[in-house]
Protein backbone atom coordinates (compact mmCIF):
# COMPACT_ATOMS: atom_id res chain seq x y z
CA MET A 1 25.95 -18.09 -3.46
CA ALA A 2 25.27 -14.39 -3.03
CA PRO A 3 23.91 -12.40 -5.98
CA PRO A 4 26.15 -9.73 -7.55
CA PHE A 5 24.17 -6.87 -5.96
CA ARG A 6 21.80 -6.84 -3.00
CA ALA A 7 19.99 -3.93 -4.64
CA ASP A 8 19.46 -4.57 -8.33
CA HIS A 9 17.26 -3.37 -11.16
CA ILE A 10 16.11 -4.96 -14.38
CA GLY A 11 17.70 -2.54 -16.83
CA SER A 12 15.23 -0.41 -18.76
CA LEU A 13 14.50 3.10 -17.50
CA LEU A 14 11.99 5.75 -18.47
CA ARG A 15 13.19 7.67 -21.51
CA PRO A 16 13.83 11.41 -21.16
CA GLN A 17 11.56 13.62 -23.24
CA SER A 18 14.46 14.69 -25.46
CA LEU A 19 15.05 11.07 -26.50
CA LEU A 20 11.36 10.41 -27.09
CA GLU A 21 11.19 13.46 -29.33
CA ALA A 22 14.30 12.40 -31.25
CA ARG A 23 12.83 8.92 -31.80
CA SER A 24 9.30 10.11 -32.62
CA SER A 25 9.68 9.25 -36.31
CA LEU A 26 10.55 5.66 -35.34
CA SER A 27 7.75 5.09 -32.84
CA SER A 28 5.48 3.00 -35.05
CA PRO A 29 5.20 -0.66 -33.95
CA SER A 30 6.06 -1.70 -37.50
CA GLN A 31 9.44 0.05 -37.10
CA MET A 32 10.59 -1.74 -33.96
CA TYR A 33 13.15 -3.70 -35.97
CA SER A 34 14.26 -0.84 -38.21
CA LEU A 35 17.99 -0.71 -38.84
CA ASP A 36 17.77 2.68 -40.51
CA ILE A 37 18.50 4.91 -37.52
CA PRO A 38 19.35 8.55 -38.34
CA GLN A 39 22.58 9.92 -36.87
CA SER A 40 20.59 12.56 -35.00
CA VAL A 41 18.76 9.79 -33.13
CA LYS A 42 22.02 8.00 -32.34
CA ASP A 43 23.44 11.25 -30.98
CA ALA A 44 20.37 11.74 -28.78
CA GLU A 45 20.67 8.16 -27.52
CA LEU A 46 24.32 8.60 -26.58
CA HIS A 47 23.62 11.88 -24.78
CA ALA A 48 20.76 10.29 -22.83
CA ILE A 49 22.91 7.27 -21.92
CA ARG A 50 25.67 9.51 -20.57
CA GLU A 51 23.18 11.44 -18.48
CA VAL A 52 21.45 8.36 -17.04
CA VAL A 53 24.78 6.75 -16.18
CA LYS A 54 25.80 9.95 -14.41
CA THR A 55 22.57 9.92 -12.40
CA GLN A 56 23.03 6.29 -11.36
CA LEU A 57 26.54 7.05 -10.18
CA GLU A 58 25.38 10.11 -8.24
CA LYS A 59 22.56 8.21 -6.53
CA GLY A 60 24.51 5.04 -5.86
CA VAL A 61 22.14 2.94 -7.96
CA ARG A 62 23.57 -0.38 -9.04
CA PRO A 63 24.03 -2.16 -11.32
CA ILE A 64 24.76 0.56 -13.83
CA THR A 65 22.78 0.18 -17.05
CA ASP A 66 22.20 2.25 -20.18
CA GLY A 67 18.44 2.20 -19.52
CA GLU A 68 18.16 0.36 -22.87
CA TYR A 69 18.10 3.85 -24.39
CA ALA A 70 19.59 2.63 -27.67
CA ARG A 71 16.59 0.34 -28.26
CA HIS A 72 13.00 1.07 -29.15
CA ILE A 73 12.02 -2.08 -27.25
CA TYR A 74 13.97 -4.44 -25.01
CA TYR A 75 14.47 -7.15 -27.65
CA GLY A 76 15.27 -4.75 -30.49
CA GLY A 77 18.53 -4.75 -32.38
CA PHE A 78 19.51 -8.38 -31.90
CA PHE A 79 17.80 -10.94 -34.14
CA GLU A 80 17.55 -8.60 -37.10
CA LYS A 81 21.33 -8.07 -37.02
CA LEU A 82 22.19 -11.75 -37.24
CA SER A 83 22.79 -13.18 -40.70
CA GLY A 84 19.88 -15.33 -41.84
CA PHE A 85 17.09 -13.30 -40.21
CA GLU A 86 14.67 -10.91 -41.89
CA ALA A 87 12.33 -8.46 -40.21
CA LYS A 88 8.68 -8.73 -41.21
CA PRO A 89 6.99 -5.45 -40.19
CA ASP A 90 3.34 -6.38 -40.57
CA LEU A 91 2.51 -10.04 -40.04
CA PRO A 92 -1.26 -10.55 -39.68
CA ILE A 93 -2.87 -11.11 -36.28
CA PRO A 94 -3.91 -13.82 -35.50
CA ASP A 95 -3.01 -15.90 -38.56
CA ALA A 96 0.79 -15.57 -38.36
CA PHE A 97 0.98 -16.34 -34.65
CA ARG A 98 0.32 -19.18 -32.22
CA THR A 99 -3.30 -19.86 -31.44
CA ASP A 100 -4.50 -17.79 -28.48
CA PHE A 101 -1.01 -16.42 -27.93
CA PRO A 102 -1.49 -14.03 -24.99
CA THR A 103 0.44 -11.11 -26.45
CA THR A 104 -1.24 -11.03 -29.85
CA THR A 105 -4.62 -11.79 -28.31
CA GLY A 106 -4.16 -8.79 -26.05
CA LEU A 107 -2.96 -6.57 -28.87
CA ALA A 108 -5.95 -7.58 -31.00
CA LYS A 109 -8.28 -6.48 -28.22
CA MET A 110 -6.53 -3.10 -28.38
CA GLY A 111 -7.25 -2.90 -32.09
CA ALA A 112 -3.99 -4.20 -33.58
CA THR A 113 -4.30 -6.21 -36.80
CA THR A 114 -0.59 -6.79 -37.49
CA ARG A 115 2.60 -7.30 -35.52
CA ALA A 116 6.25 -7.14 -36.47
CA ALA A 117 8.49 -10.18 -36.03
CA VAL A 118 11.82 -11.51 -37.27
CA VAL A 119 11.79 -14.68 -39.36
CA CYS A 120 14.70 -16.92 -40.30
CA THR A 121 15.05 -16.99 -44.10
CA GLY A 122 18.64 -18.25 -44.42
CA LYS A 123 21.40 -19.94 -42.44
CA ILE A 124 21.78 -18.30 -39.04
CA GLU A 125 25.32 -17.04 -38.68
CA TYR A 126 27.26 -14.68 -36.44
CA LYS A 127 29.09 -12.31 -38.77
CA GLU A 128 29.13 -9.23 -36.56
CA SER A 129 28.08 -8.43 -33.02
CA PRO A 130 24.55 -7.06 -32.72
CA TYR A 131 25.11 -5.45 -29.32
CA LEU A 132 28.81 -4.60 -29.07
CA PRO A 133 28.25 -0.95 -30.08
CA GLU A 134 25.61 -0.59 -27.34
CA TRP A 135 27.84 -2.14 -24.70
CA LEU A 136 30.74 0.09 -25.68
CA GLU A 137 28.56 3.19 -25.33
CA LEU A 138 27.76 2.17 -21.76
CA ARG A 139 31.25 0.95 -20.93
CA ASP A 140 32.93 4.09 -22.19
CA CYS A 141 30.84 6.20 -19.81
CA LEU A 142 32.60 4.48 -16.92
CA PRO A 143 36.14 4.29 -15.56
CA ARG A 144 37.61 0.84 -16.04
CA ASP A 145 37.29 -0.06 -12.36
CA LEU A 146 33.49 0.33 -12.60
CA TRP A 147 32.95 -1.90 -15.63
CA ARG A 148 32.21 -4.77 -13.25
CA GLU A 149 29.37 -2.79 -11.74
CA ALA A 150 27.56 -2.52 -15.06
CA LYS A 151 24.92 -4.91 -16.34
CA PHE A 152 23.82 -5.46 -19.92
CA THR A 153 20.60 -7.08 -21.16
CA ILE A 154 19.87 -9.34 -24.10
CA PRO A 155 16.61 -10.97 -25.27
CA ALA A 156 16.10 -14.72 -24.96
CA PRO A 157 16.79 -16.93 -27.99
CA ASN A 158 13.19 -18.17 -28.08
CA TYR A 159 11.65 -14.69 -28.35
CA GLN A 160 10.68 -14.91 -32.02
CA HIS A 161 9.97 -18.63 -32.10
CA ILE A 162 7.50 -18.76 -29.23
CA GLN A 163 5.14 -16.20 -30.73
CA LEU A 164 5.10 -17.33 -34.35
CA LYS A 165 2.73 -19.96 -35.72
CA PRO A 166 4.32 -23.41 -35.35
CA GLY A 167 6.62 -24.20 -38.26
CA THR A 168 6.95 -20.59 -39.43
CA ALA A 169 9.90 -19.28 -37.37
CA TRP A 170 12.08 -20.47 -40.24
CA THR A 171 11.19 -20.77 -43.92
CA LYS A 172 11.81 -23.66 -46.27
CA GLU A 173 14.36 -21.48 -48.08
CA SER A 174 16.40 -21.18 -44.87
CA GLY A 175 17.57 -24.76 -45.25
CA TYR A 176 16.37 -25.76 -41.78
CA THR A 177 14.17 -28.80 -41.38
CA SER A 178 13.56 -28.72 -37.64
CA ASP A 179 13.31 -26.34 -34.71
CA GLN A 180 16.31 -28.04 -33.15
CA GLU A 181 18.50 -27.14 -36.13
CA TYR A 182 17.26 -23.54 -35.93
CA PHE A 183 18.08 -23.30 -32.23
CA ASP A 184 21.44 -25.08 -32.54
CA ASP A 185 22.71 -22.34 -34.85
CA LEU A 186 21.03 -19.57 -32.88
CA ALA A 187 22.66 -20.79 -29.65
CA LYS A 188 26.05 -20.65 -31.37
CA CYS A 189 25.41 -17.00 -32.22
CA TYR A 190 24.47 -16.25 -28.63
CA ALA A 191 27.59 -17.96 -27.33
CA ALA A 192 29.69 -15.94 -29.76
CA GLU A 193 27.97 -12.73 -28.65
CA LEU A 194 28.64 -13.45 -24.98
CA GLN A 195 32.30 -13.99 -25.78
CA THR A 196 32.49 -10.78 -27.82
CA LEU A 197 30.93 -8.73 -25.02
CA TYR A 198 33.13 -10.43 -22.42
CA ASP A 199 36.26 -9.66 -24.43
CA ALA A 200 35.14 -6.02 -24.43
CA GLY A 201 34.91 -5.95 -20.63
CA LEU A 202 31.36 -7.08 -19.80
CA ARG A 203 31.07 -9.19 -16.64
CA ASN A 204 27.31 -9.24 -15.98
CA ILE A 205 24.71 -10.29 -18.56
CA GLN A 206 20.95 -10.57 -18.05
CA VAL A 207 18.92 -12.66 -20.47
CA ASP A 208 15.31 -11.45 -20.61
CA ASP A 209 12.84 -14.31 -21.08
CA PRO A 210 9.39 -13.13 -19.98
CA HIS A 211 7.78 -15.70 -22.25
CA LEU A 212 8.77 -18.60 -20.01
CA THR A 213 5.98 -17.47 -17.67
CA TYR A 214 3.53 -18.18 -20.51
CA PHE A 215 3.99 -21.85 -19.66
CA CYS A 216 2.21 -20.97 -16.39
CA SER A 217 -0.75 -19.61 -18.37
CA SER A 218 -3.71 -21.86 -19.16
CA GLN A 219 -4.50 -19.68 -22.19
CA PHE A 220 -1.07 -20.32 -23.71
CA VAL A 221 -1.09 -24.01 -22.83
CA GLU A 222 -4.54 -24.56 -24.31
CA GLY A 223 -3.56 -22.63 -27.43
CA CYS A 224 -0.56 -24.91 -27.88
CA LYS A 225 -2.80 -27.93 -27.59
CA LYS A 226 -5.07 -26.54 -30.30
CA ASP A 227 -1.98 -26.21 -32.52
CA GLY A 228 -0.92 -29.78 -31.76
CA THR A 229 2.18 -28.58 -29.88
CA ASP A 230 3.63 -30.66 -27.06
CA VAL A 231 3.99 -28.01 -24.34
CA ASP A 232 6.50 -29.98 -22.27
CA ALA A 233 8.69 -30.64 -25.31
CA LEU A 234 8.55 -26.96 -26.24
CA LEU A 235 9.68 -25.88 -22.78
CA ASP A 236 12.45 -28.49 -22.89
CA LEU A 237 13.58 -27.11 -26.25
CA TYR A 238 13.81 -23.60 -24.83
CA THR A 239 15.61 -24.50 -21.61
CA ARG A 240 18.01 -26.71 -23.55
CA THR A 241 18.81 -23.76 -25.83
CA HIS A 242 19.52 -21.55 -22.84
CA ASN A 243 22.01 -24.13 -21.62
CA GLN A 244 23.62 -24.35 -25.05
CA LEU A 245 24.30 -20.63 -25.15
CA LEU A 246 25.75 -20.74 -21.63
CA ALA A 247 27.88 -23.85 -22.14
CA SER A 248 31.08 -22.08 -23.13
CA LYS A 249 30.67 -18.76 -21.36
CA PRO A 250 33.70 -17.48 -19.43
CA ALA A 251 33.63 -18.55 -15.78
CA ASP A 252 33.65 -14.98 -14.46
CA LEU A 253 30.84 -13.75 -16.71
CA HIS A 254 27.84 -13.64 -14.40
CA ALA A 255 24.65 -14.74 -16.17
CA GLY A 256 21.13 -14.17 -14.89
CA MET A 257 17.65 -14.63 -16.32
CA HIS A 258 14.74 -12.24 -15.89
CA LEU A 259 11.13 -13.43 -16.07
CA CYS A 260 7.96 -11.35 -15.89
CA ARG A 261 4.44 -11.47 -17.28
CA GLY A 262 4.45 -8.54 -19.68
CA ASN A 263 5.30 -4.89 -19.17
CA MET A 264 3.57 -2.81 -21.80
CA SER A 265 2.39 0.78 -21.69
CA GLY A 266 -0.25 1.57 -19.10
CA SER A 267 0.88 -1.15 -16.68
CA THR A 268 -0.36 -3.87 -19.04
CA HIS A 269 0.63 -7.49 -18.42
CA TRP A 270 -0.27 -10.42 -20.67
CA VAL A 271 -0.47 -13.43 -18.35
CA SER A 272 -0.92 -14.26 -14.68
CA GLY A 273 0.00 -17.27 -12.63
CA SER A 274 2.46 -18.65 -10.11
CA TYR A 275 5.92 -19.90 -11.10
CA GLU A 276 4.87 -23.28 -9.67
CA LYS A 277 4.56 -25.06 -13.04
CA ILE A 278 8.07 -24.12 -14.21
CA ALA A 279 10.04 -23.46 -11.02
CA TYR A 280 11.76 -26.84 -10.65
CA LYS A 281 12.88 -26.92 -14.27
CA LEU A 282 13.84 -23.25 -14.24
CA PHE A 283 16.04 -23.46 -11.16
CA ASN A 284 17.45 -26.95 -11.62
CA GLU A 285 17.65 -27.45 -15.37
CA THR A 286 19.02 -24.12 -16.59
CA GLY A 287 22.57 -23.00 -15.97
CA TYR A 288 21.92 -19.47 -14.79
CA GLN A 289 23.35 -18.27 -11.49
CA THR A 290 20.68 -15.65 -10.75
CA TYR A 291 16.94 -15.45 -11.41
CA TYR A 292 15.25 -12.04 -11.44
CA LEU A 293 11.62 -12.80 -10.56
CA GLU A 294 8.63 -10.55 -10.06
CA PHE A 295 6.80 -10.95 -6.75
CA ASP A 296 5.17 -7.55 -6.32
CA ASP A 297 1.59 -8.76 -6.89
CA VAL A 298 0.34 -12.11 -5.56
CA GLU A 299 -2.62 -12.17 -7.96
CA ARG A 300 -0.36 -11.71 -10.99
CA ALA A 301 2.77 -13.61 -9.94
CA GLY A 302 1.80 -15.86 -7.05
CA GLY A 303 3.58 -16.27 -3.74
CA PHE A 304 7.06 -17.39 -2.68
CA GLU A 305 6.25 -21.12 -2.47
CA PRO A 306 8.03 -22.01 -5.76
CA LEU A 307 11.31 -20.84 -4.18
CA ARG A 308 11.39 -24.19 -2.37
CA PHE A 309 12.82 -25.61 -5.60
CA LEU A 310 15.85 -23.27 -5.57
CA PRO A 311 18.99 -25.41 -5.18
CA LYS A 312 21.96 -24.45 -3.09
CA GLY A 313 24.50 -22.39 -5.01
CA LYS A 314 21.96 -20.27 -6.91
CA ASN A 315 20.20 -17.06 -6.00
CA VAL A 316 17.05 -15.05 -6.62
CA VAL A 317 16.54 -11.31 -6.92
CA LEU A 318 13.08 -10.62 -5.52
CA GLY A 319 11.15 -8.15 -7.69
CA LEU A 320 9.15 -6.60 -4.86
CA VAL A 321 8.97 -2.96 -5.93
CA SER A 322 6.45 -2.37 -8.70
CA THR A 323 7.19 -0.48 -11.88
CA LYS A 324 3.49 -0.71 -12.75
CA THR A 325 2.20 1.52 -9.96
CA ALA A 326 3.42 4.93 -8.85
CA GLU A 327 2.69 4.29 -5.18
CA LEU A 328 5.87 4.07 -3.14
CA GLU A 329 6.16 0.83 -1.21
CA ASP A 330 6.46 0.63 2.57
CA PRO A 331 10.04 -0.37 3.53
CA ALA A 332 8.75 -2.40 6.49
CA VAL A 333 6.48 -4.45 4.22
CA LEU A 334 9.34 -5.07 1.80
CA LYS A 335 11.51 -6.37 4.64
CA GLU A 336 8.73 -8.69 5.78
CA LYS A 337 8.44 -10.09 2.26
CA ILE A 338 12.18 -10.69 2.03
CA SER A 339 12.03 -12.55 5.33
CA ALA A 340 9.07 -14.62 4.12
CA ALA A 341 10.94 -15.61 0.96
CA ALA A 342 13.98 -16.58 3.02
CA ALA A 343 11.79 -18.75 5.25
CA VAL A 344 10.62 -20.79 2.26
CA ILE A 345 14.18 -21.36 1.07
CA ALA A 346 15.48 -22.13 4.56
CA ALA A 347 12.82 -24.78 5.16
CA ALA A 348 13.39 -26.41 1.78
CA GLN A 349 17.19 -26.46 1.96
CA GLY A 350 17.45 -27.26 5.65
CA ILE A 351 19.47 -24.15 6.41
CA SER A 352 19.07 -21.19 8.74
CA ARG A 353 17.08 -18.08 7.86
CA ASP A 354 20.33 -16.08 7.79
CA GLU A 355 21.91 -18.54 5.35
CA ALA A 356 18.82 -18.33 3.14
CA MET A 357 19.01 -14.53 3.21
CA ASP A 358 22.46 -14.79 1.66
CA CYS A 359 21.01 -16.06 -1.63
CA LEU A 360 18.51 -13.21 -1.97
CA ALA A 361 18.45 -9.61 -3.19
CA ILE A 362 15.77 -7.03 -4.00
CA SER A 363 14.83 -5.13 -7.15
CA PRO A 364 11.88 -3.65 -9.00
CA GLN A 365 9.80 -6.44 -10.56
CA CYS A 366 10.49 -5.36 -14.13
CA GLY A 367 12.07 -2.60 -16.13
CA PHE A 368 10.54 0.86 -15.96
CA SER A 369 10.17 1.14 -19.74
CA SER A 370 10.41 -2.11 -21.71
CA SER A 371 9.75 -0.04 -24.81
CA SER A 372 10.39 3.64 -25.46
CA LEU A 373 6.73 4.56 -25.02
CA ALA A 374 5.96 2.19 -22.15
CA GLY A 375 5.69 3.07 -18.50
CA GLY A 376 3.50 2.29 -15.54
CA LYS A 377 0.37 4.33 -14.88
CA GLY A 378 1.34 7.58 -13.19
CA MET A 379 5.05 6.68 -13.22
CA THR A 380 7.27 9.75 -13.47
CA MET A 381 11.00 10.14 -13.77
CA GLU A 382 11.11 11.46 -10.20
CA ARG A 383 9.14 8.53 -8.80
CA MET A 384 11.28 6.04 -10.75
CA TRP A 385 14.41 7.32 -9.03
CA GLU A 386 12.62 7.29 -5.67
CA LYS A 387 11.79 3.63 -6.20
CA LEU A 388 15.35 2.77 -7.15
CA GLU A 389 16.60 4.63 -4.08
CA LEU A 390 14.07 2.71 -1.98
CA VAL A 391 15.49 -0.56 -3.29
CA ARG A 392 18.99 0.70 -2.49
CA ASP A 393 18.09 1.75 1.03
CA VAL A 394 16.11 -1.37 1.95
CA ALA A 395 18.94 -3.59 0.72
CA LYS A 396 21.42 -1.66 2.87
CA GLU A 397 19.20 -2.02 5.93
CA VAL A 398 18.64 -5.75 5.38
CA TRP A 399 22.08 -6.88 4.25
CA GLY A 400 24.31 -4.02 5.35
């Protein structure tokens, strides 16, 4: 099955200076879950979204996204808007988090002593849509016939749970007695959100789950063992939850999953390692149609070998263009890498190279600005657009 776009991108884009200035009072890490957004900031967000949509249309960049301009960080604005969750702005590092958790370990090395998170303190319920207003802002920038060319992103259901110390993602007062109960109700909220967004015209959703790559990290795995956590059971819990949220999605709502290894300011990543340890389960035991995977750096992400586990009927968007470096990639090298990936799939599935090419696409390996203040070293607005145009042009040359 062919992916929706041969040239794709992950969603977040560098913020214009005007938006950064408008959000400057909300830039503290402890405010990443703040629901108290001044109208002036909302106005600046909407203006920036309209401008970035206009630029994508002018340059022929697809899919069309809002750059995640209405969020301080890619996972913001979701959990804290569900009934039963409460934002905790300053949980202590490392005590409130998993042992040797790569993100908090890295933040501690940078001098951080606390981190914000969202904890379940009551029954998880879907009383209003967290992201409908954001989707409508993007949708209403487009004529109806282009709604299908837009893509919207949403954080994975396990985002809060995987980082918090085992047994603390939900409190005793919440009424939950197991992680499964917590995720059962959370998956219902996700399913309801997908239906709400679909009813409002969305046809392409991307679930961002960079933390699944942590299961490829020896640091994370060893930390789980220290906590007495069964790593295989934890991964099963997360993939099962993904399938629960997808179980009732409309047939023509395309659903993809993005994985990376961290995308913080200054080109920072949190883990390294091949997809090898999770590839079979990822491709064969989750119900997504498309997987957006980073492959721009062999040392960080490994090679294409795990693509041998991709089953027929699914597809992969190859993240070959880096958002972490400002250097512009060589189109010839990108084409060689696409061909190499296709060769792995062709050999594994017993199909021709051309048939394998049909289940591939190209994109940057991650978003350009996973948080408002993030961005690769030396990355400028001009170079960002050049990279997106490179993706567009290479895809046209390879697939027509």
